[in-house]
Amino acid sequence: MNYNFIQEAIDKSGQSITSIADKIGINRNTLYNWIKEGEDLKKSKLIRIGQAINHDFTDVKRTIYNKNENELMMLDEAELLQKVQALSEQIQLLESKVTRLEVDIIRLKMYK
């Protein structure tokens, strides 16, 4: 995804990268690196940027929070639907395999 919602929010804030970095307590190069991370940026860092520029990032896109990795994964509706479709197809394949295994078990029991 080329769209960088963090850079857009910073631009709209009218603040300089240096002043935002100072508010967060980091240097401007670190902030640039965080911006480059975009959708892969850890939640804690995204919150810090949002607080510095007075911006709530929750309205940008649908957000899935992976608690195990402490990361935000930003998905637009089309990406979310693609993931749901892929999971649905995987479920159908697994159900088919289970059915075949059940048939095999019944056949084995019949021949004992």
C-alpha atoms as a PDB file:
ATOM      1  CA  MET A   1       0.000   0.000   0.000  1.00  0.00           C
ATOM      2  CA  ASN A   2       1.564   3.301  -1.102  1.00  0.00           C
ATOM      3  CA  TYR A   3      -0.803   5.513   0.860  1.00  0.00           C
ATOM      4  CA  ASN A   4       0.961   6.835   3.961  1.00  0.00           C
ATOM      5  CA  PHE A   5      -1.747   7.976   6.356  1.00  0.00           C
ATOM      6  CA  ILE A   6       0.834   9.086   8.932  1.00  0.00           C
ATOM      7  CA  GLN A   7       2.531  11.534   6.559  1.00  0.00           C
ATOM      8  CA  GLU A   8      -0.854  12.880   5.480  1.00  0.00           C
ATOM      9  CA  ALA A   9      -1.907  13.507   9.094  1.00  0.00           C
ATOM     10  CA  ILE A  10       1.402  15.233   9.826  1.00  0.00           C
ATOM     11  CA  ASP A  11       1.036  17.431   6.741  1.00  0.00           C
ATOM     12  CA  LYS A  12      -2.501  18.403   7.797  1.00  0.00           C
ATOM     13  CA  SER A  13      -1.279  19.306  11.287  1.00  0.00           C
ATOM     14  CA  GLY A  14       0.898  22.082   9.860  1.00  0.00           C
ATOM     15  CA  GLN A  15       3.679  21.190  12.265  1.00  0.00           C
ATOM     16  CA  SER A  16       7.257  20.559  11.255  1.00  0.00           C
ATOM     17  CA  ILE A  17       8.855  17.147  11.601  1.00  0.00           C
ATOM     18  CA  THR A  18      11.372  18.659  14.013  1.00  0.00           C
ATOM     19  CA  SER A  19       8.708  20.100  16.326  1.00  0.00           C
ATOM     20  CA  ILE A  20       6.754  16.835  16.328  1.00  0.00           C
ATOM     21  CA  ALA A  21       9.900  14.838  17.033  1.00  0.00           C
ATOM     22  CA  ASP A  22      10.728  17.210  19.908  1.00  0.00           C
ATOM     23  CA  LYS A  23       7.250  16.733  21.400  1.00  0.00           C
ATOM     24  CA  ILE A  24       7.656  12.957  21.219  1.00  0.00           C
ATOM     25  CA  GLY A  25      11.195  13.096  22.593  1.00  0.00           C
ATOM     26  CA  ILE A  26      12.969  11.597  19.587  1.00  0.00           C
ATOM     27  CA  ASN A  27      15.142  13.013  16.820  1.00  0.00           C
ATOM     28  CA  ARG A  28      13.714  13.851  13.427  1.00  0.00           C
ATOM     29  CA  ASN A  29      15.490  10.956  11.667  1.00  0.00           C
ATOM     30  CA  THR A  30      13.766   8.506  13.997  1.00  0.00           C
ATOM     31  CA  LEU A  31      10.420  10.124  13.214  1.00  0.00           C
ATOM     32  CA  TYR A  32      11.115   9.839   9.482  1.00  0.00           C
ATOM     33  CA  ASN A  33      11.822   6.135   9.980  1.00  0.00           C
ATOM     34  CA  TRP A  34       8.560   5.712  11.881  1.00  0.00           C
ATOM     35  CA  ILE A  35       6.672   7.452   9.063  1.00  0.00           C
ATOM     36  CA  LYS A  36       8.264   5.097   6.519  1.00  0.00           C
ATOM     37  CA  GLU A  37       6.993   2.114   8.530  1.00  0.00           C
ATOM     38  CA  GLY A  38       3.462   3.323   7.846  1.00  0.00           C
ATOM     39  CA  GLU A  39       0.963   0.519   8.390  1.00  0.00           C
ATOM     40  CA  ASP A  40       3.591  -1.634  10.113  1.00  0.00           C
ATOM     41  CA  LEU A  41       4.253   0.932  12.845  1.00  0.00           C
ATOM     42  CA  LYS A  42       3.756  -0.321  16.392  1.00  0.00           C
ATOM     43  CA  LYS A  43       0.657   0.932  18.147  1.00  0.00           C
ATOM     44  CA  SER A  44       2.596   2.707  20.907  1.00  0.00           C
ATOM     45  CA  LYS A  45       4.532   4.771  18.356  1.00  0.00           C
ATOM     46  CA  LEU A  46       1.402   5.617  16.366  1.00  0.00           C
ATOM     47  CA  ILE A  47      -0.300   6.808  19.550  1.00  0.00           C
ATOM     48  CA  ARG A  48       2.688   9.035  20.384  1.00  0.00           C
ATOM     49  CA  ILE A  49       2.585  10.654  16.940  1.00  0.00           C
ATOM     50  CA  GLY A  50      -1.175  11.110  17.206  1.00  0.00           C
ATOM     51  CA  GLN A  51      -0.857  12.806  20.588  1.00  0.00           C
ATOM     52  CA  ALA A  52       1.886  15.128  19.321  1.00  0.00           C
ATOM     53  CA  ILE A  53      -0.206  16.308  16.364  1.00  0.00           C
ATOM     54  CA  ASN A  54      -3.579  16.012  18.127  1.00  0.00           C
ATOM     55  CA  HIS A  55      -4.825  13.418  15.631  1.00  0.00           C
ATOM     56  CA  ASP A  56      -6.889  10.281  16.195  1.00  0.00           C
ATOM     57  CA  PHE A  57      -5.720   7.578  13.789  1.00  0.00           C
ATOM     58  CA  THR A  58      -8.591   5.187  14.521  1.00  0.00           C
ATOM     59  CA  ASP A  59     -10.769   6.738  11.823  1.00  0.00           C
ATOM     60  CA  VAL A  60      -8.216   6.234   9.029  1.00  0.00           C
ATOM     61  CA  LYS A  61      -9.035   2.636   8.136  1.00  0.00           C
ATOM     62  CA  ARG A  62     -10.337  -0.509   9.710  1.00  0.00           C
ATOM     63  CA  THR A  63      -7.784  -1.523  12.275  1.00  0.00           C
ATOM     64  CA  ILE A  64      -6.904  -5.027  13.341  1.00  0.00           C
ATOM     65  CA  TYR A  65      -4.783  -5.133  16.452  1.00  0.00           C
ATOM     66  CA  ASN A  66      -2.484  -8.116  16.844  1.00  0.00           C
ATOM     67  CA  LYS A  67      -1.998  -8.327  20.609  1.00  0.00           C
ATOM     68  CA  ASN A  68       0.797 -10.893  20.306  1.00  0.00           C
ATOM     69  CA  GLU A  69       2.998  -8.603  18.239  1.00  0.00           C
ATOM     70  CA  ASN A  70       1.749  -5.251  19.582  1.00  0.00           C
ATOM     71  CA  GLU A  71       1.275  -3.985  16.031  1.00  0.00           C
ATOM     72  CA  LEU A  72      -1.483  -2.364  14.076  1.00  0.00           C
ATOM     73  CA  MET A  73      -2.412  -3.767  10.716  1.00  0.00           C
ATOM     74  CA  MET A  74      -4.341  -1.287   8.637  1.00  0.00           C
ATOM     75  CA  LEU A  75      -6.748  -2.784   6.131  1.00  0.00           C
ATOM     76  CA  ASP A  76      -9.140  -1.058   3.837  1.00  0.00           C
ATOM     77  CA  GLU A  77     -12.506  -2.688   3.214  1.00  0.00           C
ATOM     78  CA  ALA A  78     -11.423  -4.383  -0.037  1.00  0.00           C
ATOM     79  CA  GLU A  79      -8.353  -5.933   1.627  1.00  0.00           C
ATOM     80  CA  LEU A  80     -10.473  -7.112   4.539  1.00  0.00           C
ATOM     81  CA  LEU A  81     -12.984  -8.736   2.183  1.00  0.00           C
ATOM     82  CA  GLN A  82     -10.158 -10.491   0.312  1.00  0.00           C
ATOM     83  CA  LYS A  83      -8.835 -11.912   3.572  1.00  0.00           C
ATOM     84  CA  VAL A  84     -12.305 -13.101   4.590  1.00  0.00           C
ATOM     85  CA  GLN A  85     -12.768 -14.773   1.193  1.00  0.00           C
ATOM     86  CA  ALA A  86      -9.385 -16.506   1.433  1.00  0.00           C
ATOM     87  CA  LEU A  87     -10.203 -17.783   4.920  1.00  0.00           C
ATOM     88  CA  SER A  88     -13.595 -18.994   3.731  1.00  0.00           C
ATOM     89  CA  GLU A  89     -11.949 -20.963   0.929  1.00  0.00           C
ATOM     90  CA  GLN A  90      -9.476 -22.508   3.387  1.00  0.00           C
ATOM     91  CA  ILE A  91     -12.350 -23.534   5.663  1.00  0.00           C
ATOM     92  CA  GLN A  92     -14.158 -25.203   2.757  1.00  0.00           C
ATOM     93  CA  LEU A  93     -11.026 -27.161   1.842  1.00  0.00           C
ATOM     94  CA  LEU A  94     -10.540 -28.308   5.421  1.00  0.00           C
ATOM     95  CA  GLU A  95     -14.184 -29.340   5.730  1.00  0.00           C
ATOM     96  CA  SER A  96     -13.834 -31.366   2.542  1.00  0.00           C
ATOM     97  CA  LYS A  97     -10.745 -33.118   3.915  1.00  0.00           C
ATOM     98  CA  VAL A  98     -12.534 -33.909   7.176  1.00  0.00           C
ATOM     99  CA  THR A  99     -15.451 -35.421   5.265  1.00  0.00           C
ATOM    100  CA  ARG A 100     -13.110 -37.622   3.228  1.00  0.00           C
ATOM    101  CA  LEU A 101     -11.340 -38.769   6.391  1.00  0.00           C
ATOM    102  CA  GLU A 102     -14.668 -39.619   8.006  1.00  0.00           C
ATOM    103  CA  VAL A 103     -15.611 -41.714   4.970  1.00  0.00           C
ATOM    104  CA  ASP A 104     -12.245 -43.482   5.114  1.00  0.00           C
ATOM    105  CA  ILE A 105     -12.760 -44.250   8.811  1.00  0.00           C
ATOM    106  CA  ILE A 106     -16.197 -45.727   8.127  1.00  0.00           C
ATOM    107  CA  ARG A 107     -14.767 -47.894   5.346  1.00  0.00           C
ATOM    108  CA  LEU A 108     -11.964 -49.128   7.596  1.00  0.00           C
ATOM    109  CA  LYS A 109     -14.454 -50.050  10.311  1.00  0.00           C
ATOM    110  CA  MET A 110     -16.568 -51.965   7.796  1.00  0.00           C
ATOM    111  CA  TYR A 111     -13.626 -54.124   6.705  1.00  0.00           C
ATOM    112  CA  LYS A 112     -12.505 -55.075  10.212  1.00  0.00           C
END
